[in-house]
Amino acid sequence: MFKRSFSRIVCIAAISLVAAGVLVSEPSDGSGSAIQPGTVYTRNSAGEEVIAYNAGHTYALDKDGRVTISYSNGKRKVQAPLTLYASGHEESGLTAQGTGFFISTDKTAIVYGGARGLPVQVLISNNQGKSWNTYPVTKELTGTTKNIGFLTKNDGWMMLSKFYGMGREDHEIYKTKDGGKTWSEVKGNANEVYARVLTGAGFANDKIGFMGFRYETEFQPAISWTQDGGKTWAKLHVKLPDNLMNYSLTPLSPVFNGAKGQFPVQLSKDGASNVVGTAYLTSSDYGKTWKYQKVVTYKEN
């Protein structure tokens, strides 16, 4: 079976998140139906798919591209009714790299499509793959890459990103309040504030959300945020120790448990693929303020 390749430093990041107790089974905004933690997929500075947080649930493709979901560290495996290309065929809208995954024991959501006449759709299971339903998101042919997540069993979000070249990428934000059956676009100014390559995204609650971008020389770590559900965005400037500014800084996806959050930021040098560690920002107020916590350094065995 073909498995996605992940940066080992991101695995260290996931272990650190678990040890810190950032994720537990409760709603992130203190209301609604509780949801178990979900594995969060994102992109690193080299554009490769990585895991920003591993809740013990992952996906893989077999030799024919069929999607298999593994729950609870392999205790349960199911085949989702979806076939993807491992690589290439980007124009199809059905590549693993261009598909968004959120995998929890309570909610599994896979967003795909958006090319060659195939609209963006989301495949959802609420019972660990025993049954699946497909719901439309948008008829527009958009969504080169996709991010998706759920705050509760009913409240979810997704970001569809379309790459135009020269580092430019536009982003569309959608939300659901009925578990993923229907999605509404949030019209806002996100692309006016920063329209670069998205590497991570996440919401702390229905109002506060974040977008992280591949490192840029004039603005890093490149993070924008919203306090009104995605209608208006602004650059978020965070303070890191001076010695870390010698690295290229790429924020991944933030993870929240109520007001407490943790934001992993990859450190790389001599090229995007040379990841040497991960810095951690922490918040205790839903991401309104962040402070530097520590660095986990990656070392070869």
Protein backbone atom coordinates (compact mmCIF):
# COMPACT_ATOMS: atom_id res chain seq x y z
CA MET A 1 0.00 0.00 0.00
CA PHE A 2 1.28 3.45 -0.91
CA LYS A 3 1.58 5.81 2.06
CA ARG A 4 2.08 9.55 2.01
CA SER A 5 5.61 10.58 2.99
CA PHE A 6 5.82 12.96 5.92
CA SER A 7 8.61 15.10 7.27
CA ARG A 8 9.91 13.45 10.44
CA ILE A 9 10.14 16.77 12.20
CA VAL A 10 6.38 17.13 11.87
CA CYS A 11 5.97 13.81 13.66
CA ILE A 12 8.02 15.24 16.51
CA ALA A 13 5.71 18.22 16.48
CA ALA A 14 2.68 15.96 16.82
CA ILE A 15 4.23 14.14 19.79
CA SER A 16 4.93 17.46 21.45
CA LEU A 17 1.32 18.55 21.02
CA VAL A 18 0.03 15.38 22.63
CA ALA A 19 2.43 15.70 25.53
CA ALA A 20 1.33 19.26 26.10
CA GLY A 21 -2.29 18.14 26.32
CA VAL A 22 -3.44 20.66 23.74
CA LEU A 23 -6.20 18.45 22.36
CA VAL A 24 -8.85 16.69 24.37
CA SER A 25 -12.45 15.74 23.73
CA GLU A 26 -14.37 18.96 24.15
CA PRO A 27 -15.75 21.72 21.92
CA SER A 28 -13.21 24.35 20.98
CA ASP A 29 -15.61 27.19 21.67
CA GLY A 30 -17.25 25.78 24.80
CA SER A 31 -20.58 25.05 23.13
CA GLY A 32 -22.11 22.56 20.72
CA SER A 33 -21.40 18.85 20.40
CA ALA A 34 -18.02 17.61 21.61
CA ILE A 35 -15.70 16.13 19.02
CA GLN A 36 -12.69 13.87 19.40
CA PRO A 37 -9.37 15.25 18.11
CA GLY A 38 -8.75 14.87 14.40
CA THR A 39 -5.56 14.43 12.41
CA VAL A 40 -4.74 17.70 10.64
CA TYR A 41 -3.01 17.60 7.24
CA THR A 42 -1.21 20.60 5.82
CA ARG A 43 1.72 21.59 3.56
CA ASN A 44 5.31 22.41 4.41
CA SER A 45 7.54 25.05 2.82
CA ALA A 46 8.44 22.68 -0.03
CA GLY A 47 4.76 22.16 -0.88
CA GLU A 48 4.76 18.59 0.42
CA GLU A 49 1.82 17.21 2.36
CA VAL A 50 2.65 16.74 6.06
CA ILE A 51 0.77 16.11 9.28
CA ALA A 52 0.56 19.17 11.55
CA TYR A 53 -1.19 17.14 14.27
CA ASN A 54 -1.52 13.36 14.43
CA ALA A 55 -4.50 12.12 16.43
CA GLY A 56 -3.67 8.51 15.56
CA HIS A 57 -5.83 8.45 12.42
CA THR A 58 -4.28 8.57 8.94
CA TYR A 59 -4.98 7.80 5.30
CA ALA A 60 -3.11 5.91 2.60
CA LEU A 61 -3.55 5.02 -1.06
CA ASP A 62 -3.27 1.48 -2.39
CA LYS A 63 -1.62 0.72 -5.73
CA ASP A 64 -4.83 1.64 -7.54
CA GLY A 65 -5.25 4.95 -5.70
CA ARG A 66 -8.13 3.84 -3.48
CA VAL A 67 -8.28 5.75 -0.19
CA THR A 68 -7.96 3.70 3.00
CA ILE A 69 -8.57 5.31 6.38
CA SER A 70 -6.80 3.96 9.45
CA TYR A 71 -8.34 4.80 12.84
CA SER A 72 -6.84 4.52 16.32
CA ASN A 73 -3.31 3.67 15.17
CA GLY A 74 -4.47 0.94 12.82
CA LYS A 75 -7.02 -0.78 15.05
CA ARG A 76 -9.72 -0.13 12.45
CA LYS A 77 -9.20 0.26 8.70
CA VAL A 78 -11.86 1.11 6.16
CA GLN A 79 -11.90 1.91 2.47
CA ALA A 80 -13.48 5.21 1.54
CA PRO A 81 -15.47 5.44 -1.72
CA LEU A 82 -12.86 7.64 -3.35
CA THR A 83 -9.93 7.06 -5.72
CA LEU A 84 -7.10 9.58 -6.05
CA TYR A 85 -3.87 9.93 -7.97
CA ALA A 86 -0.76 9.67 -5.80
CA SER A 87 0.97 12.39 -7.83
CA GLY A 88 0.75 14.11 -11.16
CA HIS A 89 -2.60 14.69 -12.88
CA GLU A 90 -2.98 17.96 -10.99
CA GLU A 91 -5.41 19.16 -13.62
CA SER A 92 -7.85 16.40 -12.62
CA GLY A 93 -8.71 17.77 -9.18
CA LEU A 94 -8.29 14.24 -7.85
CA THR A 95 -4.74 14.13 -6.54
CA ALA A 96 -3.78 13.27 -2.97
CA GLN A 97 -1.78 16.50 -2.81
CA GLY A 98 -4.82 18.58 -3.75
CA THR A 99 -7.28 16.83 -1.44
CA GLY A 100 -8.06 17.97 2.11
CA PHE A 101 -8.42 15.49 4.99
CA PHE A 102 -9.73 15.77 8.55
CA ILE A 103 -9.85 12.38 10.30
CA SER A 104 -11.42 11.91 13.71
CA THR A 105 -13.35 9.04 15.30
CA ASP A 106 -16.36 11.37 15.36
CA LYS A 107 -16.02 13.03 11.97
CA THR A 108 -14.09 12.10 8.85
CA ALA A 109 -14.17 14.71 6.09
CA ILE A 110 -12.44 14.58 2.70
CA VAL A 111 -12.74 17.55 0.34
CA TYR A 112 -11.76 17.00 -3.31
CA GLY A 113 -12.52 18.02 -6.90
CA GLY A 114 -12.59 21.44 -8.46
CA ALA A 115 -11.21 20.74 -11.94
CA ARG A 116 -12.21 19.27 -15.32
CA GLY A 117 -15.88 19.97 -14.72
CA LEU A 118 -15.89 18.26 -11.32
CA PRO A 119 -17.16 20.66 -8.63
CA VAL A 120 -15.63 20.76 -5.18
CA GLN A 121 -17.30 18.11 -3.01
CA VAL A 122 -16.87 16.80 0.51
CA LEU A 123 -17.11 13.14 1.50
CA ILE A 124 -18.18 12.68 5.13
CA SER A 125 -18.53 9.80 7.57
CA ASN A 126 -19.83 10.20 11.13
CA ASN A 127 -19.26 6.56 12.13
CA GLN A 128 -15.64 5.74 11.25
CA GLY A 129 -16.34 4.75 7.68
CA LYS A 130 -19.34 2.48 8.16
CA SER A 131 -21.32 4.83 5.90
CA TRP A 132 -20.45 7.81 3.74
CA ASN A 133 -22.28 10.75 2.22
CA THR A 134 -21.13 13.18 -0.46
CA TYR A 135 -22.19 16.82 -0.36
CA PRO A 136 -21.52 19.67 -2.83
CA VAL A 137 -19.47 22.68 -1.76
CA THR A 138 -19.25 24.94 -4.80
CA LYS A 139 -19.99 24.66 -8.51
CA GLU A 140 -17.08 26.93 -9.32
CA LEU A 141 -14.04 25.18 -10.75
CA THR A 142 -11.55 26.17 -8.08
CA GLY A 143 -9.45 24.65 -5.36
CA THR A 144 -5.94 23.63 -6.32
CA THR A 145 -5.28 22.63 -2.69
CA LYS A 146 -7.70 22.30 0.18
CA ASN A 147 -7.78 22.46 3.99
CA ILE A 148 -10.68 21.33 6.15
CA GLY A 149 -11.48 21.05 9.85
CA PHE A 150 -14.32 20.76 12.35
CA LEU A 151 -14.79 22.59 15.66
CA THR A 152 -17.80 20.52 16.71
CA LYS A 153 -19.82 17.75 15.08
CA ASN A 154 -21.81 20.44 13.28
CA ASP A 155 -19.47 23.40 12.83
CA GLY A 156 -16.72 23.12 10.24
CA TRP A 157 -14.62 25.18 7.88
CA MET A 158 -12.57 24.74 4.72
CA MET A 159 -10.16 26.81 2.66
CA LEU A 160 -9.79 26.30 -1.07
CA SER A 161 -6.56 27.65 -2.52
CA LYS A 162 -5.79 28.23 -6.18
CA PHE A 163 -2.20 28.73 -7.33
CA TYR A 164 -1.55 31.24 -10.10
CA GLY A 165 2.26 31.16 -10.31
CA MET A 166 5.06 33.42 -9.06
CA GLY A 167 4.10 32.55 -5.50
CA ARG A 168 0.58 33.95 -5.78
CA GLU A 169 -2.33 31.92 -4.44
CA ASP A 170 -5.92 33.02 -3.82
CA HIS A 171 -8.03 31.54 -1.03
CA GLU A 172 -11.75 30.96 -0.59
CA ILE A 173 -13.27 30.27 2.84
CA TYR A 174 -16.37 28.15 3.40
CA LYS A 175 -18.24 27.20 6.57
CA THR A 176 -20.88 24.67 7.58
CA LYS A 177 -23.23 24.57 10.57
CA ASP A 178 -24.97 21.28 9.78
CA GLY A 179 -22.11 18.82 9.87
CA GLY A 180 -21.00 19.37 6.28
CA LYS A 181 -24.29 18.94 4.43
CA THR A 182 -24.33 22.53 3.21
CA TRP A 183 -21.50 25.05 2.86
CA SER A 184 -21.57 28.84 2.55
CA GLU A 185 -18.74 30.99 1.27
CA VAL A 186 -17.47 33.69 3.59
CA LYS A 187 -16.84 36.81 1.53
CA GLY A 188 -13.88 38.76 2.85
CA ASN A 189 -10.60 40.54 2.20
CA ALA A 190 -8.19 37.63 2.80
CA ASN A 191 -6.57 37.87 -0.64
CA GLU A 192 -6.21 41.64 -0.39
CA VAL A 193 -4.20 41.22 2.82
CA TYR A 194 -1.95 38.33 1.73
CA ALA A 195 -2.33 36.13 -1.35
CA ARG A 196 0.63 33.79 -1.10
CA VAL A 197 1.11 30.01 -0.84
CA LEU A 198 -0.93 28.62 2.07
CA THR A 199 0.82 26.09 4.32
CA GLY A 200 -1.59 25.91 7.24
CA ALA A 201 -5.00 27.01 8.46
CA GLY A 202 -7.23 26.62 11.49
CA PHE A 203 -9.99 28.17 13.58
CA ALA A 204 -10.04 28.54 17.36
CA ASN A 205 -13.79 29.14 17.40
CA ASP A 206 -16.46 30.46 15.05
CA LYS A 207 -14.88 33.92 15.00
CA ILE A 208 -11.11 33.60 15.32
CA GLY A 209 -9.14 31.87 12.58
CA PHE A 210 -5.64 31.79 11.10
CA MET A 211 -3.86 31.29 7.80
CA GLY A 212 -0.16 30.43 7.61
CA PHE A 213 1.96 30.93 4.50
CA ARG A 214 5.24 29.70 3.05
CA TYR A 215 8.17 31.75 4.28
CA GLU A 216 8.75 35.14 2.71
CA THR A 217 11.71 37.43 3.24
CA GLU A 218 9.75 40.54 4.21
CA PHE A 219 7.13 38.96 6.49
CA GLN A 220 7.81 35.90 8.64
CA PRO A 221 6.43 33.90 10.12
CA ALA A 222 3.76 34.88 7.61
CA ILE A 223 0.42 34.59 9.44
CA SER A 224 -2.86 36.38 8.89
CA TRP A 225 -5.88 36.17 11.17
CA THR A 226 -9.56 37.03 11.45
CA GLN A 227 -11.69 37.93 14.45
CA ASP A 228 -15.05 38.01 12.68
CA GLY A 229 -15.32 34.55 11.16
CA GLY A 230 -13.34 35.29 8.00
CA LYS A 231 -14.92 38.52 6.77
CA THR A 232 -11.88 40.66 7.51
CA TRP A 233 -8.25 39.58 7.82
CA ALA A 234 -5.07 41.28 9.00
CA LYS A 235 -1.40 40.37 9.21
CA LEU A 236 -0.43 38.92 12.57
CA HIS A 237 3.05 39.89 13.72
CA VAL A 238 4.48 37.56 16.36
CA LYS A 239 7.71 37.97 18.32
CA LEU A 240 10.33 35.23 18.13
CA PRO A 241 13.88 35.16 19.55
CA ASP A 242 16.34 36.99 17.32
CA ASN A 243 18.38 33.87 16.60
CA LEU A 244 15.37 32.18 14.98
CA MET A 245 15.09 34.95 12.44
CA ASN A 246 18.17 33.50 10.73
CA TYR A 247 15.98 30.64 9.50
CA SER A 248 13.19 30.50 6.95
CA LEU A 249 9.99 30.29 9.00
CA THR A 250 6.92 28.41 7.74
CA PRO A 251 3.82 28.24 9.99
CA LEU A 252 1.81 25.01 9.79
CA SER A 253 -1.74 24.65 11.13
CA PRO A 254 -2.64 25.86 14.64
CA VAL A 255 -4.40 23.44 17.00
CA PHE A 256 -6.82 24.51 19.73
CA ASN A 257 -8.54 23.12 22.80
CA GLY A 258 -10.88 25.86 23.92
CA ALA A 259 -8.84 28.99 24.61
CA LYS A 260 -5.53 27.11 24.59
CA GLY A 261 -3.70 26.88 21.31
CA GLN A 262 -0.37 25.87 19.87
CA PHE A 263 1.07 27.04 16.55
CA PRO A 264 3.99 25.03 15.08
CA VAL A 265 6.42 26.95 12.87
CA GLN A 266 8.95 25.01 10.79
CA LEU A 267 12.55 26.18 10.69
CA SER A 268 14.51 25.55 7.50
CA LYS A 269 17.81 26.65 5.99
CA ASP A 270 19.62 26.25 2.69
CA GLY A 271 16.38 25.53 0.88
CA ALA A 272 12.79 24.73 1.76
CA SER A 273 13.38 20.99 2.10
CA ASN A 274 16.14 21.33 4.72
CA VAL A 275 13.93 21.43 7.83
CA VAL A 276 16.04 21.60 10.99
CA GLY A 277 13.42 22.07 13.69
CA THR A 278 10.04 23.38 14.78
CA ALA A 279 9.35 26.39 16.98
CA TYR A 280 6.16 26.50 19.04
CA LEU A 281 3.94 29.45 19.77
CA THR A 282 1.30 29.11 22.49
CA SER A 283 -1.87 31.03 23.29
CA SER A 284 -4.30 31.01 26.21
CA ASP A 285 -6.89 33.39 24.74
CA TYR A 286 -8.13 31.72 21.51
CA GLY A 287 -5.13 33.02 19.59
CA LYS A 288 -5.63 36.71 20.33
CA THR A 289 -2.06 36.78 21.62
CA TRP A 290 0.84 34.36 21.09
CA LYS A 291 4.11 33.84 22.90
CA TYR A 292 7.18 31.84 22.03
CA GLN A 293 7.40 28.56 23.97
CA LYS A 294 10.28 26.41 22.69
CA VAL A 295 12.08 24.81 19.76
CA VAL A 296 12.21 21.10 19.02
CA THR A 297 15.32 20.40 16.96
CA TYR A 298 15.41 17.63 14.39
CA LYS A 299 18.50 15.43 14.37
CA GLU A 300 19.40 12.60 12.04
CA ASN A 301 19.74 9.19 13.68
